[in-house]
Structure formats: structure tokens, C-alpha cells
């Protein structure tokens, strides 16, 4: 294993967390890359258990600010060179 590969693996292992995971997606075939990313996004959104907020008394029809995201996702797309 070369220096670059070791550094790459070390970076992923030290920066990927449960709160903000890394997903390495191969980019050799566009169709597969798109399917894999769509699945990751769908799974992440499903795991957030989102629901529309209930309006407070007297605020029906008014826009309200949204809460900050509780989870971040980083997706790295990698492809073979050569």
C-alpha cells in the first residue's frame, strides 16, 4: 500500500463520525454512482424521522424559521484513473 493510500484511509478513519459519516462511492460507472448516492440520500432522509411542524396558536399561515440540521453527510466520489 502506497503513502497516498495510507493517508487517504487515515483521513477517512479519523474524520468520519457517526454524526457526520463519509461514504466512498466508486465513480467508474455513472449509473451506479447515481444509484448509490440516491440510496444514501434516501436512507439518510428516512433516518431523520422528519415531520411537518405543528403551527403555534395564532401563527397559522405564517412562515416560521427552520431548525438547523441535526446530522451532516459527506459523500466522496472516487474514480479510477488510467
N, C-alpha and C. Protein backbone atom coordinates (compact mmCIF):
# COMPACT_ATOMS: atom_id res chain seq x y z
N UNK A 1 0.86 -1.17 0.00
CA UNK A 1 0.00 0.00 0.00
C UNK A 1 0.91 1.24 0.00
N UNK A 2 0.64 2.19 -0.89
CA UNK A 2 1.46 3.39 -1.00
C UNK A 2 1.13 4.43 0.05
N UNK A 3 1.96 5.45 0.10
CA UNK A 3 1.77 6.55 1.07
C UNK A 3 0.44 7.26 0.88
N UNK A 4 0.09 7.49 -0.40
CA UNK A 4 -1.17 8.18 -0.68
C UNK A 4 -2.36 7.37 -0.16
N UNK A 5 -2.38 6.08 -0.43
CA UNK A 5 -3.48 5.22 0.02
C UNK A 5 -3.57 5.18 1.54
N UNK A 6 -2.42 5.09 2.22
CA UNK A 6 -2.43 5.11 3.69
C UNK A 6 -2.98 6.43 4.21
N UNK A 7 -2.54 7.54 3.62
CA UNK A 7 -3.02 8.86 4.05
C UNK A 7 -4.52 8.99 3.81
N UNK A 8 -5.00 8.48 2.68
CA UNK A 8 -6.42 8.52 2.33
C UNK A 8 -7.24 7.74 3.36
N UNK A 9 -6.80 6.53 3.67
CA UNK A 9 -7.51 5.71 4.66
C UNK A 9 -7.46 6.32 6.05
N UNK A 10 -6.32 6.90 6.41
CA UNK A 10 -6.19 7.54 7.71
C UNK A 10 -7.12 8.76 7.81
N UNK A 11 -7.18 9.55 6.75
CA UNK A 11 -8.08 10.72 6.74
C UNK A 11 -9.52 10.28 6.92
N UNK A 12 -9.95 9.25 6.21
CA UNK A 12 -11.32 8.77 6.34
C UNK A 12 -11.60 8.25 7.74
N UNK A 13 -10.69 7.46 8.29
CA UNK A 13 -10.94 6.86 9.60
C UNK A 13 -10.94 7.90 10.72
N UNK A 14 -10.17 8.97 10.57
CA UNK A 14 -10.09 9.97 11.64
C UNK A 14 -11.15 11.07 11.52
N UNK A 15 -11.75 11.24 10.33
CA UNK A 15 -12.72 12.33 10.18
C UNK A 15 -14.16 11.85 10.02
N UNK A 16 -14.37 10.59 9.74
CA UNK A 16 -15.73 10.08 9.62
C UNK A 16 -16.27 9.77 11.02
N UNK A 17 -17.41 10.33 11.34
CA UNK A 17 -18.02 10.10 12.64
C UNK A 17 -19.46 9.62 12.47
N UNK A 18 -20.06 9.18 13.51
CA UNK A 18 -21.47 8.76 13.43
C UNK A 18 -22.35 9.95 13.08
N UNK A 19 -21.99 11.12 13.58
CA UNK A 19 -22.76 12.33 13.32
C UNK A 19 -22.55 12.84 11.89
N UNK A 20 -21.34 12.68 11.36
CA UNK A 20 -21.02 13.16 10.01
C UNK A 20 -20.15 12.11 9.30
N UNK A 21 -20.80 11.04 8.82
CA UNK A 21 -20.03 9.95 8.21
C UNK A 21 -19.57 10.26 6.79
N UNK A 22 -18.51 9.60 6.38
CA UNK A 22 -18.03 9.63 4.99
C UNK A 22 -18.57 8.39 4.30
N UNK A 23 -18.92 8.53 3.04
CA UNK A 23 -19.30 7.39 2.21
C UNK A 23 -18.45 7.48 0.94
N UNK A 24 -17.68 6.46 0.67
CA UNK A 24 -16.85 6.43 -0.53
C UNK A 24 -17.64 5.69 -1.60
N UNK A 25 -17.93 6.41 -2.70
CA UNK A 25 -18.74 5.86 -3.77
C UNK A 25 -17.90 5.77 -5.04
N UNK A 26 -17.76 4.58 -5.62
CA UNK A 26 -16.98 4.47 -6.85
C UNK A 26 -17.65 5.24 -7.99
N UNK A 27 -16.84 5.85 -8.83
CA UNK A 27 -17.37 6.66 -9.93
C UNK A 27 -17.00 6.09 -11.29
N UNK A 28 -16.71 4.80 -11.36
CA UNK A 28 -16.33 4.20 -12.62
C UNK A 28 -17.50 4.11 -13.61
N UNK A 29 -18.71 4.01 -13.09
CA UNK A 29 -19.92 3.93 -13.92
C UNK A 29 -20.93 4.94 -13.38
N UNK A 30 -21.28 5.92 -14.22
CA UNK A 30 -22.19 6.99 -13.76
C UNK A 30 -23.51 6.45 -13.22
N UNK A 31 -24.09 5.47 -13.88
CA UNK A 31 -25.38 4.96 -13.45
C UNK A 31 -25.29 4.39 -12.04
N UNK A 32 -24.20 3.66 -11.74
CA UNK A 32 -24.05 3.08 -10.41
C UNK A 32 -23.81 4.16 -9.37
N UNK A 33 -22.98 5.14 -9.72
CA UNK A 33 -22.69 6.25 -8.80
C UNK A 33 -23.99 6.95 -8.41
N UNK A 34 -24.82 7.23 -9.40
CA UNK A 34 -26.08 7.93 -9.14
C UNK A 34 -27.04 7.10 -8.30
N UNK A 35 -27.11 5.81 -8.56
CA UNK A 35 -27.97 4.92 -7.76
C UNK A 35 -27.46 4.87 -6.32
N UNK A 36 -26.15 4.72 -6.14
CA UNK A 36 -25.58 4.63 -4.80
C UNK A 36 -25.82 5.92 -4.01
N UNK A 37 -25.63 7.06 -4.64
CA UNK A 37 -25.84 8.34 -3.96
C UNK A 37 -27.32 8.54 -3.64
N UNK A 38 -28.19 8.20 -4.57
CA UNK A 38 -29.63 8.32 -4.31
C UNK A 38 -30.03 7.45 -3.12
N UNK A 39 -29.47 6.25 -3.03
CA UNK A 39 -29.79 5.38 -1.90
C UNK A 39 -29.27 5.96 -0.58
N UNK A 40 -28.06 6.50 -0.60
CA UNK A 40 -27.50 7.11 0.61
C UNK A 40 -28.34 8.29 1.07
N UNK A 41 -28.75 9.13 0.13
CA UNK A 41 -29.57 10.29 0.47
C UNK A 41 -30.93 9.84 1.00
N UNK A 42 -31.55 8.88 0.32
CA UNK A 42 -32.85 8.37 0.78
C UNK A 42 -32.78 7.76 2.16
N UNK A 43 -31.75 6.94 2.41
CA UNK A 43 -31.59 6.32 3.74
C UNK A 43 -31.36 7.38 4.81
N UNK A 44 -30.56 8.39 4.48
CA UNK A 44 -30.27 9.45 5.45
C UNK A 44 -31.53 10.24 5.78
N UNK A 45 -32.29 10.61 4.76
CA UNK A 45 -33.53 11.35 5.00
C UNK A 45 -34.54 10.52 5.78
N UNK A 46 -34.65 9.23 5.46
CA UNK A 46 -35.58 8.36 6.19
C UNK A 46 -35.18 8.24 7.66
N UNK A 47 -33.87 8.24 7.93
CA UNK A 47 -33.38 8.13 9.30
C UNK A 47 -33.57 9.38 10.13
N UNK A 48 -33.88 10.51 9.48
CA UNK A 48 -34.07 11.75 10.22
C UNK A 48 -35.44 11.85 10.87
N UNK A 49 -36.38 10.97 10.48
CA UNK A 49 -37.73 10.96 11.04
C UNK A 49 -38.34 12.36 11.00
N UNK A 50 -38.37 12.95 9.80
CA UNK A 50 -38.87 14.30 9.63
C UNK A 50 -40.39 14.35 9.69
N UNK A 51 -40.92 15.47 10.13
CA UNK A 51 -42.36 15.69 10.17
C UNK A 51 -42.62 17.18 10.03
N UNK A 52 -43.78 17.53 9.47
CA UNK A 52 -44.14 18.93 9.38
C UNK A 52 -44.38 19.48 10.79
N UNK A 53 -43.92 20.69 11.06
CA UNK A 53 -44.15 21.26 12.39
C UNK A 53 -45.61 21.64 12.57
N UNK A 54 -46.06 21.54 13.78
CA UNK A 54 -47.43 21.93 14.09
C UNK A 54 -47.44 23.44 14.34
N UNK A 55 -48.37 24.18 13.72
CA UNK A 55 -48.38 25.63 13.91
C UNK A 55 -48.76 25.99 15.34
N UNK A 56 -48.13 27.03 15.82
CA UNK A 56 -48.48 27.54 17.15
C UNK A 56 -49.79 28.30 17.05
N UNK A 57 -50.44 28.47 18.16
CA UNK A 57 -51.70 29.19 18.19
C UNK A 57 -51.47 30.62 17.69
N UNK A 58 -52.25 31.03 16.71
CA UNK A 58 -52.14 32.39 16.18
C UNK A 58 -51.10 32.56 15.08
N UNK A 59 -50.42 31.47 14.69
CA UNK A 59 -49.41 31.60 13.65
C UNK A 59 -49.78 30.86 12.37
N UNK A 60 -50.99 30.37 12.28
CA UNK A 60 -51.40 29.63 11.09
C UNK A 60 -51.25 30.51 9.85
N UNK A 61 -50.62 29.96 8.83
CA UNK A 61 -50.45 30.70 7.58
C UNK A 61 -49.18 31.52 7.50
N UNK A 62 -48.45 31.70 8.59
CA UNK A 62 -47.20 32.46 8.58
C UNK A 62 -46.02 31.51 8.48
N UNK A 63 -45.02 31.93 7.74
CA UNK A 63 -43.80 31.12 7.64
C UNK A 63 -43.00 31.24 8.92
N UNK A 64 -42.39 30.16 9.33
CA UNK A 64 -41.55 30.17 10.53
C UNK A 64 -40.16 29.72 10.14
N UNK A 65 -39.17 30.11 10.91
CA UNK A 65 -37.79 29.69 10.65
C UNK A 65 -37.64 28.21 10.88
N UNK A 66 -36.71 27.60 10.20
CA UNK A 66 -36.49 26.17 10.37
C UNK A 66 -35.32 25.92 11.32
N UNK A 67 -35.37 24.79 11.95
CA UNK A 67 -34.30 24.41 12.88
C UNK A 67 -33.08 23.96 12.08
N UNK A 68 -31.88 24.12 12.62
CA UNK A 68 -30.69 23.66 11.93
C UNK A 68 -30.67 22.14 11.80
N UNK A 69 -30.00 21.65 10.79
CA UNK A 69 -29.90 20.20 10.58
C UNK A 69 -29.21 19.55 11.76
N UNK A 70 -29.66 18.34 12.09
CA UNK A 70 -29.07 17.65 13.23
C UNK A 70 -28.00 16.65 12.81
N UNK A 71 -27.81 16.48 11.51
CA UNK A 71 -26.84 15.50 11.03
C UNK A 71 -26.27 15.96 9.70
N UNK A 72 -24.99 15.74 9.51
CA UNK A 72 -24.33 16.08 8.25
C UNK A 72 -23.88 14.80 7.57
N UNK A 73 -23.85 14.83 6.26
CA UNK A 73 -23.39 13.69 5.47
C UNK A 73 -22.37 14.19 4.46
N UNK A 74 -21.25 13.51 4.36
CA UNK A 74 -20.24 13.83 3.37
C UNK A 74 -20.12 12.63 2.43
N UNK A 75 -20.22 12.89 1.13
CA UNK A 75 -20.11 11.82 0.15
C UNK A 75 -18.90 12.12 -0.73
N UNK A 76 -17.97 11.18 -0.78
CA UNK A 76 -16.79 11.32 -1.64
C UNK A 76 -16.96 10.41 -2.84
N UNK A 77 -16.86 10.99 -4.04
CA UNK A 77 -16.98 10.21 -5.26
C UNK A 77 -15.57 9.99 -5.80
N UNK A 78 -15.20 8.74 -5.94
CA UNK A 78 -13.86 8.42 -6.39
C UNK A 78 -13.92 7.62 -7.68
N UNK A 79 -12.95 7.83 -8.53
CA UNK A 79 -12.91 7.11 -9.80
C UNK A 79 -11.51 6.62 -10.09
N UNK A 80 -11.45 5.59 -10.89
CA UNK A 80 -10.15 5.05 -11.29
C UNK A 80 -9.55 5.95 -12.36
N UNK A 81 -8.28 6.15 -12.27
CA UNK A 81 -7.55 6.92 -13.29
C UNK A 81 -6.69 5.97 -14.07
N UNK A 82 -6.59 6.25 -15.34
CA UNK A 82 -5.69 5.40 -16.07
C UNK A 82 -6.04 5.20 -17.49
